[in-house]
Amino acid sequence: MLLAKLVDSGVLVNYMGSNEEAASMINGICKEVAWVDFFYVKQWKTINMYCNGYWPKHIARMRSIYFSSPWNMIALLAGIILFALTVVQTIFTIKSAGYK
């Protein structure tokens, strides 16, 4: 299914005929291949720990769900400005009522 999407979008070109044959060939490329020396183990572990951390994972999730469109950011900014103006108006109303 993923291979079919990649072929349809033009990322991959399938000369094998069916997508099932191409998928089985791609899935079997690295079977029984031994990794003798992997020079970037320390860097990979550091990046993996960072990416699986609490904050990066949840911030990325919030970005993809709530801020996927620029209009969402504009609406958030407008809401923050309106809330700040409401707080300022409330403060000035309370101050002016206290002096009378």
PDB file of N, CA and C in Angstrom:
ATOM      1  N   MET A   1       0.824  -1.179   0.000  1.00  0.00           N
ATOM      2  CA  MET A   1       0.000   0.000   0.000  1.00  0.00           C
ATOM      3  C   MET A   1       0.881   1.261   0.000  1.00  0.00           C
ATOM      4  N   LEU A   2       1.896   1.269   0.861  1.00  0.00           N
ATOM      5  CA  LEU A   2       2.809   2.408   0.897  1.00  0.00           C
ATOM      6  C   LEU A   2       3.595   2.489  -0.396  1.00  0.00           C
ATOM      7  N   LEU A   3       4.008   1.354  -0.896  1.00  0.00           N
ATOM      8  CA  LEU A   3       4.749   1.338  -2.158  1.00  0.00           C
ATOM      9  C   LEU A   3       3.876   1.858  -3.293  1.00  0.00           C
ATOM     10  N   ALA A   4       2.603   1.518  -3.282  1.00  0.00           N
ATOM     11  CA  ALA A   4       1.695   1.998  -4.321  1.00  0.00           C
ATOM     12  C   ALA A   4       1.581   3.519  -4.271  1.00  0.00           C
ATOM     13  N   LYS A   5       1.537   4.088  -3.062  1.00  0.00           N
ATOM     14  CA  LYS A   5       1.480   5.548  -2.932  1.00  0.00           C
ATOM     15  C   LYS A   5       2.768   6.186  -3.440  1.00  0.00           C
ATOM     16  N   LEU A   6       3.911   5.558  -3.140  1.00  0.00           N
ATOM     17  CA  LEU A   6       5.187   6.091  -3.603  1.00  0.00           C
ATOM     18  C   LEU A   6       5.297   6.013  -5.119  1.00  0.00           C
ATOM     19  N   VAL A   7       4.788   4.944  -5.711  1.00  0.00           N
ATOM     20  CA  VAL A   7       4.821   4.804  -7.167  1.00  0.00           C
ATOM     21  C   VAL A   7       3.867   5.805  -7.809  1.00  0.00           C
ATOM     22  N   ASP A   8       2.669   5.957  -7.231  1.00  0.00           N
ATOM     23  CA  ASP A   8       1.692   6.898  -7.793  1.00  0.00           C
ATOM     24  C   ASP A   8       2.169   8.340  -7.717  1.00  0.00           C
ATOM     25  N   SER A   9       2.895   8.688  -6.651  1.00  0.00           N
ATOM     26  CA  SER A   9       3.367  10.070  -6.511  1.00  0.00           C
ATOM     27  C   SER A   9       4.642  10.328  -7.301  1.00  0.00           C
ATOM     28  N   GLY A  10       5.258   9.300  -7.848  1.00  0.00           N
ATOM     29  CA  GLY A  10       6.447   9.482  -8.662  1.00  0.00           C
ATOM     30  C   GLY A  10       7.759   9.425  -7.898  1.00  0.00           C
ATOM     31  N   VAL A  11       7.710   9.068  -6.611  1.00  0.00           N
ATOM     32  CA  VAL A  11       8.937   8.962  -5.826  1.00  0.00           C
ATOM     33  C   VAL A  11       9.722   7.731  -6.252  1.00  0.00           C
ATOM     34  N   LEU A  12       9.025   6.637  -6.476  1.00  0.00           N
ATOM     35  CA  LEU A  12       9.650   5.401  -6.956  1.00  0.00           C
ATOM     36  C   LEU A  12       9.103   5.043  -8.333  1.00  0.00           C
ATOM     37  N   VAL A  13       9.930   4.365  -9.084  1.00  0.00           N
ATOM     38  CA  VAL A  13       9.498   3.837 -10.377  1.00  0.00           C
ATOM     39  C   VAL A  13       9.563   2.326 -10.281  1.00  0.00           C
ATOM     40  N   ASN A  14       8.453   1.651 -10.553  1.00  0.00           N
ATOM     41  CA  ASN A  14       8.360   0.205 -10.410  1.00  0.00           C
ATOM     42  C   ASN A  14       8.475  -0.445 -11.786  1.00  0.00           C
ATOM     43  N   TYR A  15       9.623  -1.080 -12.040  1.00  0.00           N
ATOM     44  CA  TYR A  15       9.825  -1.810 -13.297  1.00  0.00           C
ATOM     45  C   TYR A  15       9.591  -3.306 -13.116  1.00  0.00           C
ATOM     46  N   MET A  16       9.199  -3.744 -11.919  1.00  0.00           N
ATOM     47  CA  MET A  16       9.063  -5.174 -11.640  1.00  0.00           C
ATOM     48  C   MET A  16       7.709  -5.728 -12.046  1.00  0.00           C
ATOM     49  N   GLY A  17       6.735  -4.889 -12.266  1.00  0.00           N
ATOM     50  CA  GLY A  17       5.413  -5.385 -12.623  1.00  0.00           C
ATOM     51  C   GLY A  17       4.410  -5.062 -11.541  1.00  0.00           C
ATOM     52  N   SER A  18       4.329  -5.922 -10.539  1.00  0.00           N
ATOM     53  CA  SER A  18       3.339  -5.688  -9.488  1.00  0.00           C
ATOM     54  C   SER A  18       3.993  -5.013  -8.284  1.00  0.00           C
ATOM     55  N   ASN A  19       3.169  -4.301  -7.548  1.00  0.00           N
ATOM     56  CA  ASN A  19       3.668  -3.630  -6.345  1.00  0.00           C
ATOM     57  C   ASN A  19       4.041  -4.623  -5.253  1.00  0.00           C
ATOM     58  N   GLU A  20       3.382  -5.789  -5.232  1.00  0.00           N
ATOM     59  CA  GLU A  20       3.690  -6.799  -4.212  1.00  0.00           C
ATOM     60  C   GLU A  20       5.102  -7.349  -4.405  1.00  0.00           C
ATOM     61  N   GLU A  21       5.490  -7.593  -5.653  1.00  0.00           N
ATOM     62  CA  GLU A  21       6.840  -8.087  -5.920  1.00  0.00           C
ATOM     63  C   GLU A  21       7.887  -7.050  -5.523  1.00  0.00           C
ATOM     64  N   ALA A  22       7.626  -5.810  -5.850  1.00  0.00           N
ATOM     65  CA  ALA A  22       8.574  -4.747  -5.500  1.00  0.00           C
ATOM     66  C   ALA A  22       8.656  -4.576  -3.989  1.00  0.00           C
ATOM     67  N   ALA A  23       7.524  -4.675  -3.285  1.00  0.00           N
ATOM     68  CA  ALA A  23       7.524  -4.541  -1.827  1.00  0.00           C
ATOM     69  C   ALA A  23       8.288  -5.682  -1.180  1.00  0.00           C
ATOM     70  N   SER A  24       8.107  -6.905  -1.666  1.00  0.00           N
ATOM     71  CA  SER A  24       8.841  -8.035  -1.084  1.00  0.00           C
ATOM     72  C   SER A  24      10.336  -7.918  -1.361  1.00  0.00           C
ATOM     73  N   MET A  25      10.714  -7.382  -2.533  1.00  0.00           N
ATOM     74  CA  MET A  25      12.125  -7.190  -2.831  1.00  0.00           C
ATOM     75  C   MET A  25      12.736  -6.129  -1.913  1.00  0.00           C
ATOM     76  N   ILE A  26      12.024  -5.029  -1.708  1.00  0.00           N
ATOM     77  CA  ILE A  26      12.523  -3.969  -0.830  1.00  0.00           C
ATOM     78  C   ILE A  26      12.606  -4.455   0.607  1.00  0.00           C
ATOM     79  N   ASN A  27      11.616  -5.220   1.049  1.00  0.00           N
ATOM     80  CA  ASN A  27      11.633  -5.743   2.423  1.00  0.00           C
ATOM     81  C   ASN A  27      12.752  -6.748   2.647  1.00  0.00           C
ATOM     82  N   GLY A  28      13.187  -7.436   1.598  1.00  0.00           N
ATOM     83  CA  GLY A  28      14.223  -8.450   1.749  1.00  0.00           C
ATOM     84  C   GLY A  28      15.640  -7.946   1.515  1.00  0.00           C
ATOM     85  N   ILE A  29      15.817  -6.666   1.253  1.00  0.00           N
ATOM     86  CA  ILE A  29      17.151  -6.148   0.928  1.00  0.00           C
ATOM     87  C   ILE A  29      18.123  -6.333   2.087  1.00  0.00           C
ATOM     88  N   CYS A  30      17.716  -5.982   3.287  1.00  0.00           N
ATOM     89  CA  CYS A  30      18.654  -5.981   4.423  1.00  0.00           C
ATOM     90  C   CYS A  30      18.516  -7.185   5.338  1.00  0.00           C
ATOM     91  N   LYS A  31      17.820  -8.199   4.924  1.00  0.00           N
ATOM     92  CA  LYS A  31      17.717  -9.380   5.772  1.00  0.00           C
ATOM     93  C   LYS A  31      19.048 -10.107   5.813  1.00  0.00           C
ATOM     94  N   GLU A  32      19.397 -10.566   6.979  1.00  0.00           N
ATOM     95  CA  GLU A  32      20.626 -11.317   7.229  1.00  0.00           C
ATOM     96  C   GLU A  32      21.889 -10.513   6.926  1.00  0.00           C
ATOM     97  N   VAL A  33      21.816  -9.199   7.058  1.00  0.00           N
ATOM     98  CA  VAL A  33      22.987  -8.341   6.910  1.00  0.00           C
ATOM     99  C   VAL A  33      23.467  -7.993   8.308  1.00  0.00           C
ATOM    100  N   ALA A  34      24.721  -8.274   8.599  1.00  0.00           N
ATOM    101  CA  ALA A  34      25.270  -8.017   9.931  1.00  0.00           C
ATOM    102  C   ALA A  34      25.915  -6.639   9.958  1.00  0.00           C
ATOM    103  N   TRP A  35      25.601  -5.891  10.983  1.00  0.00           N
ATOM    104  CA  TRP A  35      26.232  -4.585  11.199  1.00  0.00           C
ATOM    105  C   TRP A  35      27.488  -4.818  12.015  1.00  0.00           C
ATOM    106  N   VAL A  36      28.618  -4.740  11.386  1.00  0.00           N
ATOM    107  CA  VAL A  36      29.875  -5.001  12.064  1.00  0.00           C
ATOM    108  C   VAL A  36      30.273  -3.805  12.922  1.00  0.00           C
ATOM    109  N   ASP A  37      30.449  -2.671  12.306  1.00  0.00           N
ATOM    110  CA  ASP A  37      30.830  -1.456  13.028  1.00  0.00           C
ATOM    111  C   ASP A  37      29.876  -0.337  12.648  1.00  0.00           C
ATOM    112  N   PHE A  38      29.249   0.198  13.661  1.00  0.00           N
ATOM    113  CA  PHE A  38      28.389   1.359  13.456  1.00  0.00           C
ATOM    114  C   PHE A  38      29.034   2.514  14.193  1.00  0.00           C
ATOM    115  N   PHE A  39      29.595   3.441  13.463  1.00  0.00           N
ATOM    116  CA  PHE A  39      30.443   4.470  14.046  1.00  0.00           C
ATOM    117  C   PHE A  39      29.672   5.550  14.787  1.00  0.00           C
ATOM    118  N   TYR A  40      28.389   5.662  14.545  1.00  0.00           N
ATOM    119  CA  TYR A  40      27.614   6.751  15.118  1.00  0.00           C
ATOM    120  C   TYR A  40      26.649   6.278  16.201  1.00  0.00           C
ATOM    121  N   VAL A  41      27.026   5.278  16.962  1.00  0.00           N
ATOM    122  CA  VAL A  41      26.152   4.727  17.996  1.00  0.00           C
ATOM    123  C   VAL A  41      25.859   5.778  19.062  1.00  0.00           C
ATOM    124  N   LYS A  42      26.877   6.468  19.514  1.00  0.00           N
ATOM    125  CA  LYS A  42      26.685   7.460  20.573  1.00  0.00           C
ATOM    126  C   LYS A  42      25.765   8.584  20.102  1.00  0.00           C
ATOM    127  N   GLN A  43      25.981   9.109  18.902  1.00  0.00           N
ATOM    128  CA  GLN A  43      25.149  10.173  18.366  1.00  0.00           C
ATOM    129  C   GLN A  43      23.721   9.694  18.128  1.00  0.00           C
ATOM    130  N   TRP A  44      23.583   8.465  17.638  1.00  0.00           N
ATOM    131  CA  TRP A  44      22.258   7.909  17.394  1.00  0.00           C
ATOM    132  C   TRP A  44      21.485   7.769  18.689  1.00  0.00           C
ATOM    133  N   LYS A  45      22.139   7.286  19.748  1.00  0.00           N
ATOM    134  CA  LYS A  45      21.462   7.146  21.037  1.00  0.00           C
ATOM    135  C   LYS A  45      21.058   8.502  21.603  1.00  0.00           C
ATOM    136  N   THR A  46      21.929   9.501  21.444  1.00  0.00           N
ATOM    137  CA  THR A  46      21.607  10.841  21.938  1.00  0.00           C
ATOM    138  C   THR A  46      20.402  11.413  21.201  1.00  0.00           C
ATOM    139  N   ILE A  47      20.393  11.302  19.891  1.00  0.00           N
ATOM    140  CA  ILE A  47      19.266  11.812  19.097  1.00  0.00           C
ATOM    141  C   ILE A  47      17.995  11.030  19.412  1.00  0.00           C
ATOM    142  N   ASN A  48      18.115   9.733  19.571  1.00  0.00           N
ATOM    143  CA  ASN A  48      16.957   8.903  19.877  1.00  0.00           C
ATOM    144  C   ASN A  48      16.374   9.268  21.247  1.00  0.00           C
ATOM    145  N   MET A  49      17.242   9.482  22.237  1.00  0.00           N
ATOM    146  CA  MET A  49      16.756   9.880  23.561  1.00  0.00           C
ATOM    147  C   MET A  49      16.067  11.237  23.497  1.00  0.00           C
ATOM    148  N   TYR A  50      16.624  12.175  22.733  1.00  0.00           N
ATOM    149  CA  TYR A  50      16.022  13.500  22.613  1.00  0.00           C
ATOM    150  C   TYR A  50      14.662  13.425  21.918  1.00  0.00           C
ATOM    151  N   CYS A  51      14.602  12.707  20.803  1.00  0.00           N
ATOM    152  CA  CYS A  51      13.361  12.651  20.031  1.00  0.00           C
ATOM    153  C   CYS A  51      12.259  11.915  20.775  1.00  0.00           C
ATOM    154  N   ASN A  52      12.609  10.954  21.608  1.00  0.00           N
ATOM    155  CA  ASN A  52      11.611  10.219  22.371  1.00  0.00           C
ATOM    156  C   ASN A  52      11.342  10.847  23.725  1.00  0.00           C
ATOM    157  N   GLY A  53      11.912  12.013  23.984  1.00  0.00           N
ATOM    158  CA  GLY A  53      11.679  12.709  25.242  1.00  0.00           C
ATOM    159  C   GLY A  53      10.256  13.241  25.307  1.00  0.00           C
ATOM    160  N   TYR A  54       9.851  13.673  26.497  1.00  0.00           N
ATOM    161  CA  TYR A  54       8.475  14.120  26.723  1.00  0.00           C
ATOM    162  C   TYR A  54       8.154  15.376  25.922  1.00  0.00           C
ATOM    163  N   TRP A  55       8.952  16.431  26.085  1.00  0.00           N
ATOM    164  CA  TRP A  55       8.624  17.720  25.473  1.00  0.00           C
ATOM    165  C   TRP A  55       8.728  17.707  23.955  1.00  0.00           C
ATOM    166  N   PRO A  56       9.795  17.214  23.345  1.00  0.00           N
ATOM    167  CA  PRO A  56       9.832  17.230  21.873  1.00  0.00           C
ATOM    168  C   PRO A  56       8.696  16.441  21.236  1.00  0.00           C
ATOM    169  N   LYS A  57       8.352  15.321  21.833  1.00  0.00           N
ATOM    170  CA  LYS A  57       7.288  14.494  21.281  1.00  0.00           C
ATOM    171  C   LYS A  57       5.939  15.211  21.352  1.00  0.00           C
ATOM    172  N   HIS A  58       5.652  15.830  22.508  1.00  0.00           N
ATOM    173  CA  HIS A  58       4.360  16.483  22.671  1.00  0.00           C
ATOM    174  C   HIS A  58       4.277  17.811  21.911  1.00  0.00           C
ATOM    175  N   ILE A  59       5.380  18.520  21.803  1.00  0.00           N
ATOM    176  CA  ILE A  59       5.364  19.759  21.017  1.00  0.00           C
ATOM    177  C   ILE A  59       5.150  19.433  19.540  1.00  0.00           C
ATOM    178  N   ALA A  60       5.792  18.408  19.049  1.00  0.00           N
ATOM    179  CA  ALA A  60       5.596  18.001  17.650  1.00  0.00           C
ATOM    180  C   ALA A  60       4.157  17.555  17.419  1.00  0.00           C
ATOM    181  N   ARG A  61       3.584  16.857  18.380  1.00  0.00           N
ATOM    182  CA  ARG A  61       2.193  16.416  18.260  1.00  0.00           C
ATOM    183  C   ARG A  61       1.249  17.613  18.238  1.00  0.00           C
ATOM    184  N   MET A  62       1.484  18.585  19.127  1.00  0.00           N
ATOM    185  CA  MET A  62       0.635  19.774  19.155  1.00  0.00           C
ATOM    186  C   MET A  62       0.763  20.574  17.862  1.00  0.00           C
ATOM    187  N   ARG A  63       1.976  20.669  17.323  1.00  0.00           N
ATOM    188  CA  ARG A  63       2.154  21.379  16.057  1.00  0.00           C
ATOM    189  C   ARG A  63       1.370  20.716  14.931  1.00  0.00           C
ATOM    190  N   SER A  64       1.434  19.403  14.867  1.00  0.00           N
ATOM    191  CA  SER A  64       0.764  18.721  13.767  1.00  0.00           C
ATOM    192  C   SER A  64      -0.749  18.736  13.914  1.00  0.00           C
ATOM    193  N   ILE A  65      -1.259  18.762  15.154  1.00  0.00           N
ATOM    194  CA  ILE A  65      -2.708  18.730  15.361  1.00  0.00           C
ATOM    195  C   ILE A  65      -3.297  20.140  15.360  1.00  0.00           C
ATOM    196  N   TYR A  66      -2.748  21.025  16.188  1.00  0.00           N
ATOM    197  CA  TYR A  66      -3.390  22.312  16.425  1.00  0.00           C
ATOM    198  C   TYR A  66      -2.847  23.443  15.564  1.00  0.00           C
ATOM    199  N   PHE A  67      -1.623  23.364  15.117  1.00  0.00           N
ATOM    200  CA  PHE A  67      -1.027  24.461  14.375  1.00  0.00           C
ATOM    201  C   PHE A  67      -0.588  24.027  12.975  1.00  0.00           C
ATOM    202  N   SER A  68      -1.417  23.245  12.328  1.00  0.00           N
ATOM    203  CA  SER A  68      -1.073  22.758  10.998  1.00  0.00           C
ATOM    204  C   SER A  68      -1.293  23.811   9.923  1.00  0.00           C
ATOM    205  N   SER A  69      -2.024  24.857  10.248  1.00  0.00           N
ATOM    206  CA  SER A  69      -2.336  25.896   9.279  1.00  0.00           C
ATOM    207  C   SER A  69      -1.884  27.251   9.816  1.00  0.00           C
ATOM    208  N   PRO A  70      -1.473  28.168   8.961  1.00  0.00           N
ATOM    209  CA  PRO A  70      -1.110  29.506   9.445  1.00  0.00           C
ATOM    210  C   PRO A  70      -2.291  30.234  10.068  1.00  0.00           C
ATOM    211  N   TRP A  71      -3.499  29.885   9.650  1.00  0.00           N
ATOM    212  CA  TRP A  71      -4.679  30.531  10.224  1.00  0.00           C
ATOM    213  C   TRP A  71      -4.842  30.172  11.688  1.00  0.00           C
ATOM    214  N   ASN A  72      -4.418  28.990  12.081  1.00  0.00           N
ATOM    215  CA  ASN A  72      -4.480  28.612  13.487  1.00  0.00           C
ATOM    216  C   ASN A  72      -3.565  29.491  14.319  1.00  0.00           C
ATOM    217  N   MET A  73      -2.381  29.797  13.795  1.00  0.00           N
ATOM    218  CA  MET A  73      -1.453  30.676  14.511  1.00  0.00           C
ATOM    219  C   MET A  73      -2.016  32.091  14.608  1.00  0.00           C
ATOM    220  N   ILE A  74      -2.633  32.573  13.528  1.00  0.00           N
ATOM    221  CA  ILE A  74      -3.223  33.913  13.537  1.00  0.00           C
ATOM    222  C   ILE A  74      -4.369  33.978  14.533  1.00  0.00           C
ATOM    223  N   ALA A  75      -5.193  32.936  14.583  1.00  0.00           N
ATOM    224  CA  ALA A  75      -6.307  32.908  15.532  1.00  0.00           C
ATOM    225  C   ALA A  75      -5.794  32.867  16.970  1.00  0.00           C
ATOM    226  N   LEU A  76      -4.714  32.119  17.213  1.00  0.00           N
ATOM    227  CA  LEU A  76      -4.130  32.076  18.551  1.00  0.00           C
ATOM    228  C   LEU A  76      -3.600  33.445  18.947  1.00  0.00           C
ATOM    229  N   LEU A  77      -2.901  34.111  18.052  1.00  0.00           N
ATOM    230  CA  LEU A  77      -2.369  35.439  18.327  1.00  0.00           C
ATOM    231  C   LEU A  77      -3.502  36.436  18.587  1.00  0.00           C
ATOM    232  N   ALA A  78      -4.564  36.387  17.789  1.00  0.00           N
ATOM    233  CA  ALA A  78      -5.710  37.268  17.996  1.00  0.00           C
ATOM    234  C   ALA A  78      -6.377  36.989  19.343  1.00  0.00           C
ATOM    235  N   GLY A  79      -6.488  35.735  19.718  1.00  0.00           N
ATOM    236  CA  GLY A  79      -7.068  35.385  21.007  1.00  0.00           C
ATOM    237  C   GLY A  79      -6.234  35.893  22.174  1.00  0.00           C
ATOM    238  N   ILE A  80      -4.922  35.792  22.058  1.00  0.00           N
ATOM    239  CA  ILE A  80      -4.033  36.283  23.115  1.00  0.00           C
ATOM    240  C   ILE A  80      -4.155  37.798  23.248  1.00  0.00           C
ATOM    241  N   ILE A  81      -4.196  38.503  22.107  1.00  0.00           N
ATOM    242  CA  ILE A  81      -4.329  39.964  22.139  1.00  0.00           C
ATOM    243  C   ILE A  81      -5.664  40.369  22.752  1.00  0.00           C
ATOM    244  N   LEU A  82      -6.744  39.710  22.353  1.00  0.00           N
ATOM    245  CA  LEU A  82      -8.056  40.029  22.918  1.00  0.00           C
ATOM    246  C   LEU A  82      -8.114  39.741  24.411  1.00  0.00           C
ATOM    247  N   PHE A  83      -7.509  38.669  24.846  1.00  0.00           N
ATOM    248  CA  PHE A  83      -7.483  38.356  26.276  1.00  0.00           C
ATOM    249  C   PHE A  83      -6.699  39.417  27.042  1.00  0.00           C
ATOM    250  N   ALA A  84      -5.550  39.848  26.496  1.00  0.00           N
ATOM    251  CA  ALA A  84      -4.747  40.879  27.152  1.00  0.00           C
ATOM    252  C   ALA A  84      -5.520  42.193  27.234  1.00  0.00           C
ATOM    253  N   LEU A  85      -6.211  42.556  26.162  1.00  0.00           N
ATOM    254  CA  LEU A  85      -7.010  43.785  26.193  1.00  0.00           C
ATOM    255  C   LEU A  85      -8.153  43.691  27.199  1.00  0.00           C
ATOM    256  N   THR A  86      -8.758  42.532  27.335  1.00  0.00           N
ATOM    257  CA  THR A  86      -9.824  42.331  28.318  1.00  0.00           C
ATOM    258  C   THR A  86      -9.283  42.478  29.733  1.00  0.00           C
ATOM    259  N   VAL A  87      -8.106  41.934  29.989  1.00  0.00           N
ATOM    260  CA  VAL A  87      -7.489  42.061  31.314  1.00  0.00           C
ATOM    261  C   VAL A  87      -7.183  43.528  31.614  1.00  0.00           C
ATOM    262  N   VAL A  88      -6.634  44.250  30.630  1.00  0.00           N
ATOM    263  CA  VAL A  88      -6.326  45.670  30.828  1.00  0.00           C
ATOM    264  C   VAL A  88      -7.608  46.461  31.075  1.00  0.00           C
ATOM    265  N   GLN A  89      -8.656  46.184  30.329  1.00  0.00           N
ATOM    266  CA  GLN A  89      -9.926  46.883  30.519  1.00  0.00           C
ATOM    267  C   GLN A  89     -10.496  46.600  31.900  1.00  0.00           C
ATOM    268  N   THR A  90     -10.395  45.372  32.354  1.00  0.00           N
ATOM    269  CA  THR A  90     -10.882  45.026  33.692  1.00  0.00           C
ATOM    270  C   THR A  90     -10.098  45.758  34.772  1.00  0.00           C
ATOM    271  N   ILE A  91      -8.789  45.830  34.619  1.00  0.00           N
ATOM    272  CA  ILE A  91      -7.953  46.524  35.607  1.00  0.00           C
ATOM    273  C   ILE A  91      -8.325  47.998  35.665  1.00  0.00           C
ATOM    274  N   PHE A  92      -8.481  48.657  34.525  1.00  0.00           N
ATOM    275  CA  PHE A  92      -8.830  50.073  34.522  1.00  0.00           C
ATOM    276  C   PHE A  92     -10.241  50.309  35.052  1.00  0.00           C
ATOM    277  N   THR A  93     -11.166  49.393  34.803  1.00  0.00           N
ATOM    278  CA  THR A  93     -12.514  49.520  35.341  1.00  0.00           C
ATOM    279  C   THR A  93     -12.508  49.420  36.851  1.00  0.00           C
ATOM    280  N   ILE A  94     -11.735  48.481  37.393  1.00  0.00           N
ATOM    281  CA  ILE A  94     -11.653  48.330  38.846  1.00  0.00           C
ATOM    282  C   ILE A  94     -10.976  49.547  39.464  1.00  0.00           C
ATOM    283  N   LYS A  95      -9.928  50.072  38.861  1.00  0.00           N
ATOM    284  CA  LYS A  95      -9.240  51.248  39.388  1.00  0.00           C
ATOM    285  C   LYS A  95     -10.140  52.487  39.385  1.00  0.00           C
ATOM    286  N   SER A  96     -10.881  52.674  38.289  1.00  0.00           N
ATOM    287  CA  SER A  96     -11.743  53.857  38.212  1.00  0.00           C
ATOM    288  C   SER A  96     -12.923  53.749  39.162  1.00  0.00           C
ATOM    289  N   ALA A  97     -13.424  52.573  39.450  1.00  0.00           N
ATOM    290  CA  ALA A  97     -14.537  52.401  40.384  1.00  0.00           C
ATOM    291  C   ALA A  97     -14.061  52.592  41.821  1.00  0.00           C
ATOM    292  N   GLY A  98     -12.823  52.338  42.083  1.00  0.00           N
ATOM    293  CA  GLY A  98     -12.293  52.479  43.456  1.00  0.00           C
ATOM    294  C   GLY A  98     -12.063  53.903  43.849  1.00  0.00           C
ATOM    295  N   TYR A  99     -11.885  54.822  42.924  1.00  0.00           N
ATOM    296  CA  TYR A  99     -11.587  56.222  43.245  1.00  0.00           C
ATOM    297  C   TYR A  99     -12.827  57.090  43.374  1.00  0.00           C
ATOM    298  N   LYS A 100     -13.987  56.591  43.079  1.00  0.00           N
ATOM    299  CA  LYS A 100     -15.199  57.405  43.151  1.00  0.00           C
ATOM    300  C   LYS A 100     -15.790  57.415  44.528  1.00  0.00           C
TER     301      LYS A 100
END
